């Protein structure tokens, strides 16, 4: 039942929201389909994703281009408001977003398979009704749905102790967008012997690098994908040591998490807690884009089900996220209710209009509370793991 309820909600939303990112990426992928040239993609400042993403979306566009009609190519050349007034826009939006919807729901299905009985049904219901998921994918049209499904699939295979399959999936996740690279060390460290560790590392790196090689000779790939602004967000929190030196807070947390995981038993539950530390640290110590919160959803759901004492900290984390959405620029982070009300895109930043530059102080307060909630979750999760270990030894 929850599948149909969730699908119905998504299909009601999909045709009516079009974020600027979706509009720009759709036009860029269409240009790639017509030219077949990665050089042209990375000559465009908007070409900020690895090649596999353009190959995948390009293949999907070729598959559905006929369904979109002969006017689709002309529509891509319209200015924003002209594009919104097209009589075909509802059909365009629905068809173009199906691939993201399928990837997102696939991630939720695989996540649910990691549980059994009532817990599996609970996770599936949470996913299908999750406002964060629906906001990030169906409203925002987040490309991150594609790497997310492979990241979750890798976690599923890790739980099943299928290391090579997990490595292939994690390598593919990073090949779509590079944030899963942060999880590579955990996948390797979970392996029992040196040989298995080397195999996992070789498979992940091989899959990842193999999909990047065709773009290595393009300067735009290095400046926009590898060393682009999104990646630099991880280094935004720093403690100055004087002179030119500084301690980067996220990197410090990241290394400590890896050290902690490496010192104990490589159980799947400890792996998930370490992964939560790796991913949660991004939202505590970086200037993250709000749509990235989708990356954390599998860990939040695993926490909500696996840690029986989950409570206020989970609600606080979600509440602070939505408060940050409300306090941020509407035109960028909520999207535009395109076909229904084109002027929605031009609401700009209502909260900033009310409080001026103090909006950044407000966002800092909200992110601090979010970081505190995530820290509370990590501490409680760590305590639960320790209690279970002691009970098992008793």
Protein backbone atom coordinates (compact mmCIF):
# COMPACT_ATOMS: atom_id res chain seq x y z
CA UNK A 1 0.00 0.00 0.00
CA UNK A 2 2.75 2.45 0.94
CA UNK A 3 4.32 2.03 -2.48
CA UNK A 4 1.16 3.27 -4.16
CA UNK A 5 0.60 6.06 -1.65
CA UNK A 6 4.19 7.27 -2.05
CA UNK A 7 4.08 6.96 -5.81
CA UNK A 8 0.83 8.92 -5.96
CA UNK A 9 2.34 11.74 -3.88
CA UNK A 10 5.42 11.84 -6.11
CA UNK A 11 3.41 11.91 -9.34
CA UNK A 12 1.35 14.79 -7.97
CA UNK A 13 4.52 16.79 -7.28
CA UNK A 14 6.83 15.89 -10.17
CA UNK A 15 5.19 17.95 -12.96
CA UNK A 16 4.88 21.14 -10.93
CA UNK A 17 8.35 21.88 -9.54
CA UNK A 18 11.36 22.84 -11.61
CA UNK A 19 14.46 24.07 -9.87
CA UNK A 20 16.97 26.12 -11.81
CA UNK A 21 19.51 23.27 -11.51
CA UNK A 22 17.14 20.91 -13.27
CA UNK A 23 16.55 23.38 -16.09
CA UNK A 24 20.29 23.98 -16.59
CA UNK A 25 21.24 20.30 -16.35
CA UNK A 26 18.49 19.25 -18.75
CA UNK A 27 19.75 21.66 -21.39
CA UNK A 28 23.36 20.58 -20.83
CA UNK A 29 22.52 16.87 -21.19
CA UNK A 30 20.50 17.60 -24.33
CA UNK A 31 23.54 19.38 -25.80
CA UNK A 32 25.64 16.32 -24.97
CA UNK A 33 23.12 14.03 -26.67
CA UNK A 34 23.28 16.12 -29.81
CA UNK A 35 27.07 16.58 -29.88
CA UNK A 36 28.31 13.43 -28.15
CA UNK A 37 31.29 15.46 -26.98
CA UNK A 38 32.53 15.52 -23.39
CA UNK A 39 34.81 18.39 -24.40
CA UNK A 40 31.74 20.51 -25.10
CA UNK A 41 30.20 19.49 -21.75
CA UNK A 42 33.24 20.53 -19.73
CA UNK A 43 33.74 23.71 -21.73
CA UNK A 44 30.46 24.78 -20.10
CA UNK A 45 30.89 26.09 -16.51
CA UNK A 46 27.81 24.05 -15.57
CA UNK A 47 29.55 20.79 -16.44
CA UNK A 48 30.32 19.89 -12.82
CA UNK A 49 29.49 16.16 -12.81
CA UNK A 50 31.58 13.10 -13.80
CA UNK A 51 31.19 11.58 -17.29
CA UNK A 52 29.09 8.58 -16.18
CA UNK A 53 26.26 10.86 -15.17
CA UNK A 54 26.16 12.46 -18.62
CA UNK A 55 26.35 9.07 -20.33
CA UNK A 56 23.47 7.73 -18.21
CA UNK A 57 21.22 10.76 -18.59
CA UNK A 58 22.17 11.05 -22.24
CA UNK A 59 21.08 7.45 -22.82
CA UNK A 60 17.81 8.10 -21.00
CA UNK A 61 17.18 11.22 -23.06
CA UNK A 62 17.70 9.27 -26.27
CA UNK A 63 15.24 6.67 -25.00
CA UNK A 64 12.46 9.15 -24.21
CA UNK A 65 13.13 11.88 -26.80
CA UNK A 66 10.46 10.50 -29.10
CA UNK A 67 7.92 10.54 -26.27
CA UNK A 68 8.60 14.24 -25.73
CA UNK A 69 7.57 15.19 -29.25
CA UNK A 70 9.12 17.21 -32.04
CA UNK A 71 8.84 20.46 -30.11
CA UNK A 72 11.13 19.36 -27.28
CA UNK A 73 14.33 20.50 -28.98
CA UNK A 74 12.84 23.92 -29.64
CA UNK A 75 11.60 24.14 -26.03
CA UNK A 76 15.15 23.67 -24.75
CA UNK A 77 16.14 26.90 -26.46
CA UNK A 78 13.42 29.01 -24.84
CA UNK A 79 14.05 31.54 -22.11
CA UNK A 80 12.79 30.55 -18.67
CA UNK A 81 9.33 32.14 -18.65
CA UNK A 82 8.70 31.13 -22.26
CA UNK A 83 9.61 27.55 -21.39
CA UNK A 84 7.22 27.62 -18.44
CA UNK A 85 4.33 28.78 -20.60
CA UNK A 86 4.67 25.86 -23.01
CA UNK A 87 1.53 23.73 -23.26
CA UNK A 88 3.75 20.62 -23.12
CA UNK A 89 5.64 21.44 -19.94
CA UNK A 90 3.70 19.05 -17.72
CA UNK A 91 4.56 16.16 -20.03
CA UNK A 92 8.19 17.24 -20.29
CA UNK A 93 8.58 17.49 -16.53
CA UNK A 94 6.96 14.13 -15.86
CA UNK A 95 8.94 12.19 -18.47
CA UNK A 96 12.30 13.83 -17.73
CA UNK A 97 12.03 13.18 -13.99
CA UNK A 98 11.11 9.49 -14.13
CA UNK A 99 14.75 8.38 -14.00
CA UNK A 100 15.35 10.32 -10.78
CA UNK A 101 12.11 9.05 -9.25
CA UNK A 102 13.01 5.44 -10.11
CA UNK A 103 16.54 5.79 -8.66
CA UNK A 104 15.26 7.34 -5.44
CA UNK A 105 12.58 4.71 -4.89
CA UNK A 106 15.09 2.00 -5.76
CA UNK A 107 17.40 3.30 -3.02
CA UNK A 108 14.54 3.15 -0.52
CA UNK A 109 13.63 -0.39 -1.56
CA UNK A 110 17.22 -1.65 -1.18
CA UNK A 111 17.52 0.11 2.19
CA UNK A 112 14.36 -1.66 3.38
CA UNK A 113 15.84 -5.01 2.31
CA UNK A 114 18.58 -4.50 4.91
CA UNK A 115 15.94 -5.14 7.58
CA UNK A 116 13.39 -7.88 8.15
CA UNK A 117 9.84 -8.24 9.37
CA UNK A 118 8.16 -5.18 10.85
CA UNK A 119 11.37 -3.14 10.63
CA UNK A 120 11.53 -3.65 6.86
CA UNK A 121 7.95 -2.45 6.46
CA UNK A 122 8.67 0.52 8.75
CA UNK A 123 11.73 1.64 6.78
CA UNK A 124 9.87 1.31 3.48
CA UNK A 125 6.96 3.39 4.83
CA UNK A 126 9.32 6.03 6.20
CA UNK A 127 11.09 6.29 2.87
CA UNK A 128 7.97 6.48 0.74
CA UNK A 129 6.49 9.21 2.97
CA UNK A 130 9.74 11.04 3.76
CA UNK A 131 9.36 14.80 3.20
CA UNK A 132 13.16 15.14 2.90
CA UNK A 133 13.37 12.56 0.12
CA UNK A 134 10.41 14.00 -1.76
CA UNK A 135 11.76 17.53 -1.39
CA UNK A 136 15.28 16.63 -2.50
CA UNK A 137 14.32 14.51 -5.51
CA UNK A 138 10.79 15.11 -6.77
CA UNK A 139 10.74 18.86 -6.00
CA UNK A 140 14.39 19.80 -6.34
CA UNK A 141 15.11 17.11 -8.95
CA UNK A 142 18.36 16.14 -7.27
CA UNK A 143 20.82 14.35 -9.52
CA UNK A 144 22.25 12.80 -6.35
CA UNK A 145 19.48 10.18 -6.52
CA UNK A 146 21.63 8.30 -9.04
CA UNK A 147 24.77 7.86 -6.87
CA UNK A 148 22.54 7.35 -3.82
CA UNK A 149 21.00 4.13 -5.12
CA UNK A 150 24.45 2.60 -5.73
CA UNK A 151 25.73 3.78 -2.35
CA UNK A 152 22.81 2.09 -0.59
CA UNK A 153 23.27 -1.01 -2.75
CA UNK A 154 26.91 -1.14 -1.62
CA UNK A 155 25.83 -0.98 2.03
CA UNK A 156 23.37 -3.79 1.36
CA UNK A 157 26.11 -6.00 -0.10
CA UNK A 158 28.43 -5.15 2.79
CA UNK A 159 25.80 -6.38 5.21
CA UNK A 160 25.51 -9.57 3.15
CA UNK A 161 29.34 -9.88 3.26
CA UNK A 162 29.63 -9.67 -0.52
CA UNK A 163 32.71 -7.45 -0.60
CA UNK A 164 33.41 -7.44 -4.34
CA UNK A 165 29.81 -6.60 -5.24
CA UNK A 166 29.82 -3.88 -2.60
CA UNK A 167 33.04 -2.47 -4.05
CA UNK A 168 31.62 -2.37 -7.57
CA UNK A 169 28.51 -0.58 -6.34
CA UNK A 170 30.48 1.98 -4.29
CA UNK A 171 32.80 2.59 -7.22
CA UNK A 172 29.80 3.28 -9.44
CA UNK A 173 28.28 5.57 -6.80
CA UNK A 174 31.45 7.68 -6.80
CA UNK A 175 31.55 7.58 -10.60
CA UNK A 176 28.22 9.45 -10.64
CA UNK A 177 29.20 12.01 -8.03
CA UNK A 178 32.36 12.01 -5.99
CA UNK A 179 31.08 12.21 -2.41
CA UNK A 180 30.98 8.37 -1.96
CA UNK A 181 34.79 8.38 -2.33
CA UNK A 182 34.77 9.35 1.35
CA UNK A 183 33.39 5.89 2.14
CA UNK A 184 36.05 3.97 0.20
CA UNK A 185 38.35 3.47 3.24
CA UNK A 186 35.50 1.98 5.29
CA UNK A 187 34.68 -0.54 2.56
CA UNK A 188 38.33 -1.58 2.45
CA UNK A 189 38.82 -1.67 6.22
CA UNK A 190 35.83 -3.97 6.72
CA UNK A 191 37.56 -6.76 4.79
CA UNK A 192 39.12 -9.48 6.93
CA UNK A 193 42.46 -10.17 5.30
CA UNK A 194 45.05 -8.18 3.40
CA UNK A 195 44.23 -9.94 0.13
CA UNK A 196 40.53 -9.08 0.40
CA UNK A 197 41.36 -5.50 1.31
CA UNK A 198 43.53 -5.17 -1.81
CA UNK A 199 40.83 -6.71 -3.99
CA UNK A 200 38.16 -4.33 -2.70
CA UNK A 201 40.44 -1.31 -3.13
CA UNK A 202 41.41 -2.38 -6.67
CA UNK A 203 37.78 -2.96 -7.69
CA UNK A 204 36.50 0.35 -6.30
CA UNK A 205 39.35 2.40 -7.69
CA UNK A 206 39.23 0.53 -11.00
CA UNK A 207 35.50 1.14 -11.50
CA UNK A 208 35.80 4.76 -10.44
CA UNK A 209 38.92 5.64 -12.42
CA UNK A 210 37.83 3.64 -15.45
CA UNK A 211 34.78 5.86 -15.88
CA UNK A 212 36.80 9.07 -15.46
CA UNK A 213 39.65 8.38 -17.91
CA UNK A 214 37.82 9.67 -21.03
CA UNK A 215 37.66 13.13 -19.42
CA UNK A 216 41.19 13.28 -18.01
CA UNK A 217 42.52 15.33 -20.90
CA UNK A 218 39.90 18.07 -20.43
CA UNK A 219 40.86 21.01 -18.22
CA UNK A 220 37.20 21.71 -17.41
CA UNK A 221 36.87 18.26 -15.86
CA UNK A 222 39.68 18.96 -13.39
CA UNK A 223 38.65 22.51 -12.52
CA UNK A 224 34.88 21.90 -12.31
CA UNK A 225 34.51 18.26 -11.22
CA UNK A 226 37.62 17.29 -9.26
CA UNK A 227 38.53 20.68 -7.81
CA UNK A 228 35.18 22.44 -8.14
CA UNK A 229 33.44 24.63 -5.59
CA UNK A 230 31.30 21.79 -4.20
CA UNK A 231 34.33 19.79 -3.11
CA UNK A 232 35.93 22.85 -1.55
CA UNK A 233 32.93 23.17 0.78
CA UNK A 234 34.42 20.40 2.94
CA UNK A 235 37.29 22.66 3.90
CA UNK A 236 35.18 25.67 4.88
CA UNK A 237 35.51 25.05 8.64
CA UNK A 238 39.09 25.66 9.78
CA UNK A 239 40.99 26.66 12.88
CA UNK A 240 43.81 29.06 12.07
CA UNK A 241 47.16 28.19 13.64
CA UNK A 242 48.79 31.46 12.59
CA UNK A 243 50.65 32.25 9.44
CA UNK A 244 49.43 30.14 6.55
CA UNK A 245 48.61 27.04 8.59
CA UNK A 246 45.24 25.78 9.72
CA UNK A 247 43.47 22.67 11.00
CA UNK A 248 40.58 21.63 8.78
CA UNK A 249 37.80 20.50 11.09
CA UNK A 250 36.07 18.04 8.76
CA UNK A 251 39.35 16.33 7.86
CA UNK A 252 40.19 16.02 11.57
CA UNK A 253 36.80 14.41 12.30
CA UNK A 254 37.11 12.16 9.24
CA UNK A 255 40.51 10.77 10.28
CA UNK A 256 39.36 10.25 13.88
CA UNK A 257 36.32 8.29 12.64
CA UNK A 258 38.52 6.07 10.48
CA UNK A 259 40.89 5.51 13.40
CA UNK A 260 38.00 4.56 15.69
CA UNK A 261 36.58 2.09 13.17
CA UNK A 262 39.98 0.56 12.52
CA UNK A 263 40.59 -0.18 16.21
CA UNK A 264 37.59 -2.43 16.86
CA UNK A 265 35.64 -5.31 15.39
CA UNK A 266 34.53 -4.68 11.82
CA UNK A 267 30.85 -5.38 12.45
CA UNK A 268 28.28 -3.95 10.09
CA UNK A 269 26.74 -1.88 12.87
CA UNK A 270 30.11 -0.23 13.61
CA UNK A 271 30.54 0.32 9.86
CA UNK A 272 27.20 2.14 9.72
CA UNK A 273 28.13 4.30 12.71
CA UNK A 274 31.47 5.16 11.11
CA UNK A 275 29.66 5.97 7.85
CA UNK A 276 27.30 8.19 9.81
CA UNK A 277 30.32 10.02 11.23
CA UNK A 278 31.79 10.47 7.76
CA UNK A 279 28.56 11.72 6.21
CA UNK A 280 27.23 13.56 9.24
CA UNK A 281 30.45 15.52 9.56
CA UNK A 282 29.72 17.13 6.20
CA UNK A 283 26.53 18.67 7.57
CA UNK A 284 28.15 19.74 10.82
CA UNK A 285 31.36 21.29 9.51
CA UNK A 286 30.87 22.46 5.93
CA UNK A 287 28.86 24.99 3.94
CA UNK A 288 26.71 22.25 2.44
CA UNK A 289 24.04 22.62 -0.20
CA UNK A 290 20.66 21.82 1.29
CA UNK A 291 19.82 19.19 -1.31
CA UNK A 292 22.87 17.20 -0.16
CA UNK A 293 20.90 16.22 2.95
CA UNK A 294 19.57 13.36 0.84
CA UNK A 295 22.95 11.65 1.35
CA UNK A 296 22.28 11.39 5.10
CA UNK A 297 18.74 9.98 4.90
CA UNK A 298 19.75 6.26 4.79
CA UNK A 299 21.81 6.73 7.96
CA UNK A 300 19.02 8.64 9.70
CA UNK A 301 16.57 5.84 8.93
CA UNK A 302 19.04 3.16 9.99
CA UNK A 303 19.53 5.09 13.23
CA UNK A 304 15.80 5.52 13.79
CA UNK A 305 15.17 1.78 13.46
CA UNK A 306 18.40 0.32 14.82
CA UNK A 307 18.79 2.56 17.86
CA UNK A 308 15.67 1.84 19.87
CA UNK A 309 16.18 4.87 22.12
CA UNK A 310 16.13 7.32 19.20
CA UNK A 311 14.20 10.43 20.21
CA UNK A 312 14.50 14.21 20.32
CA UNK A 313 17.84 14.35 18.51
CA UNK A 314 16.33 12.81 15.37
CA UNK A 315 13.45 15.30 15.43
CA UNK A 316 15.85 18.18 16.07
CA UNK A 317 18.05 17.25 13.12
CA UNK A 318 15.07 17.15 10.75
CA UNK A 319 13.60 20.32 12.22
CA UNK A 320 16.85 22.28 11.80
CA UNK A 321 17.13 21.10 8.20
CA UNK A 322 13.66 22.39 7.36
CA UNK A 323 14.34 25.63 9.22
CA UNK A 324 17.44 26.13 7.06
CA UNK A 325 15.37 25.51 3.94
CA UNK A 326 12.83 28.12 5.07
CA UNK A 327 15.54 30.67 5.92
CA UNK A 328 17.42 30.24 2.64
CA UNK A 329 16.81 31.58 -0.84
CA UNK A 330 13.42 30.35 -2.03
CA UNK A 331 14.33 30.62 -5.69
CA UNK A 332 17.32 28.28 -5.30
CA UNK A 333 16.40 25.86 -2.54
CA UNK A 334 12.67 25.38 -2.84
CA UNK A 335 12.59 25.47 -6.60
CA UNK A 336 9.94 27.14 -8.66
CA UNK A 337 6.34 26.11 -8.90
CA UNK A 338 6.97 26.47 -12.59
CA UNK A 339 3.86 25.52 -14.54
CA UNK A 340 1.52 26.63 -11.76
CA UNK A 341 3.02 29.97 -10.81
CA UNK A 342 6.13 31.15 -12.73
CA UNK A 343 6.72 34.12 -10.43
CA UNK A 344 7.53 31.69 -7.62
CA UNK A 345 11.02 31.51 -9.06
CA UNK A 346 11.46 35.21 -8.44
CA UNK A 347 10.55 35.35 -4.77
CA UNK A 348 14.28 35.62 -4.15
CA UNK A 349 15.07 35.44 -0.40
CA UNK A 350 12.12 36.46 1.80
CA UNK A 351 13.85 35.98 5.19
CA UNK A 352 16.85 38.01 4.06
CA UNK A 353 14.45 40.71 2.96
CA UNK A 354 13.08 40.85 6.51
CA UNK A 355 16.28 40.64 8.59
CA UNK A 356 18.98 41.66 6.14
CA UNK A 357 22.48 40.21 6.51
CA UNK A 358 21.55 38.76 9.91
CA UNK A 359 20.09 35.87 7.95
CA UNK A 360 23.60 34.39 7.83
CA UNK A 361 23.78 34.57 11.63
CA UNK A 362 20.43 32.78 11.76
CA UNK A 363 21.61 30.07 9.36
CA UNK A 364 24.72 29.62 11.50
CA UNK A 365 22.58 29.12 14.60
CA UNK A 366 20.42 26.57 12.80
CA UNK A 367 23.43 24.64 11.50
CA UNK A 368 24.97 24.65 14.97
CA UNK A 369 21.79 23.05 16.35
CA UNK A 370 21.85 20.56 13.47
CA UNK A 371 25.47 19.70 14.30
CA UNK A 372 24.54 19.24 17.97
CA UNK A 373 21.70 16.90 17.04
CA UNK A 374 23.99 14.83 14.82
CA UNK A 375 26.61 14.68 17.57
CA UNK A 376 23.93 13.51 20.01
CA UNK A 377 22.87 10.80 17.58
CA UNK A 378 26.44 9.63 17.12
CA UNK A 379 27.04 9.49 20.88
CA UNK A 380 23.83 7.58 21.56
CA UNK A 381 24.57 5.17 18.69
CA UNK A 382 28.06 4.57 20.10
CA UNK A 383 26.64 3.92 23.56
CA UNK A 384 24.08 1.43 22.17
CA UNK A 385 26.80 -0.50 20.32
CA UNK A 386 28.89 -0.63 23.49
CA UNK A 387 25.95 -1.86 25.57
CA UNK A 388 25.15 -4.60 23.07
CA UNK A 389 28.77 -5.74 23.05
CA UNK A 390 28.84 -5.97 26.85
CA UNK A 391 25.54 -7.86 26.89
CA UNK A 392 26.96 -10.32 24.36
CA UNK A 393 30.04 -10.91 26.54
CA UNK A 394 28.01 -11.37 29.73
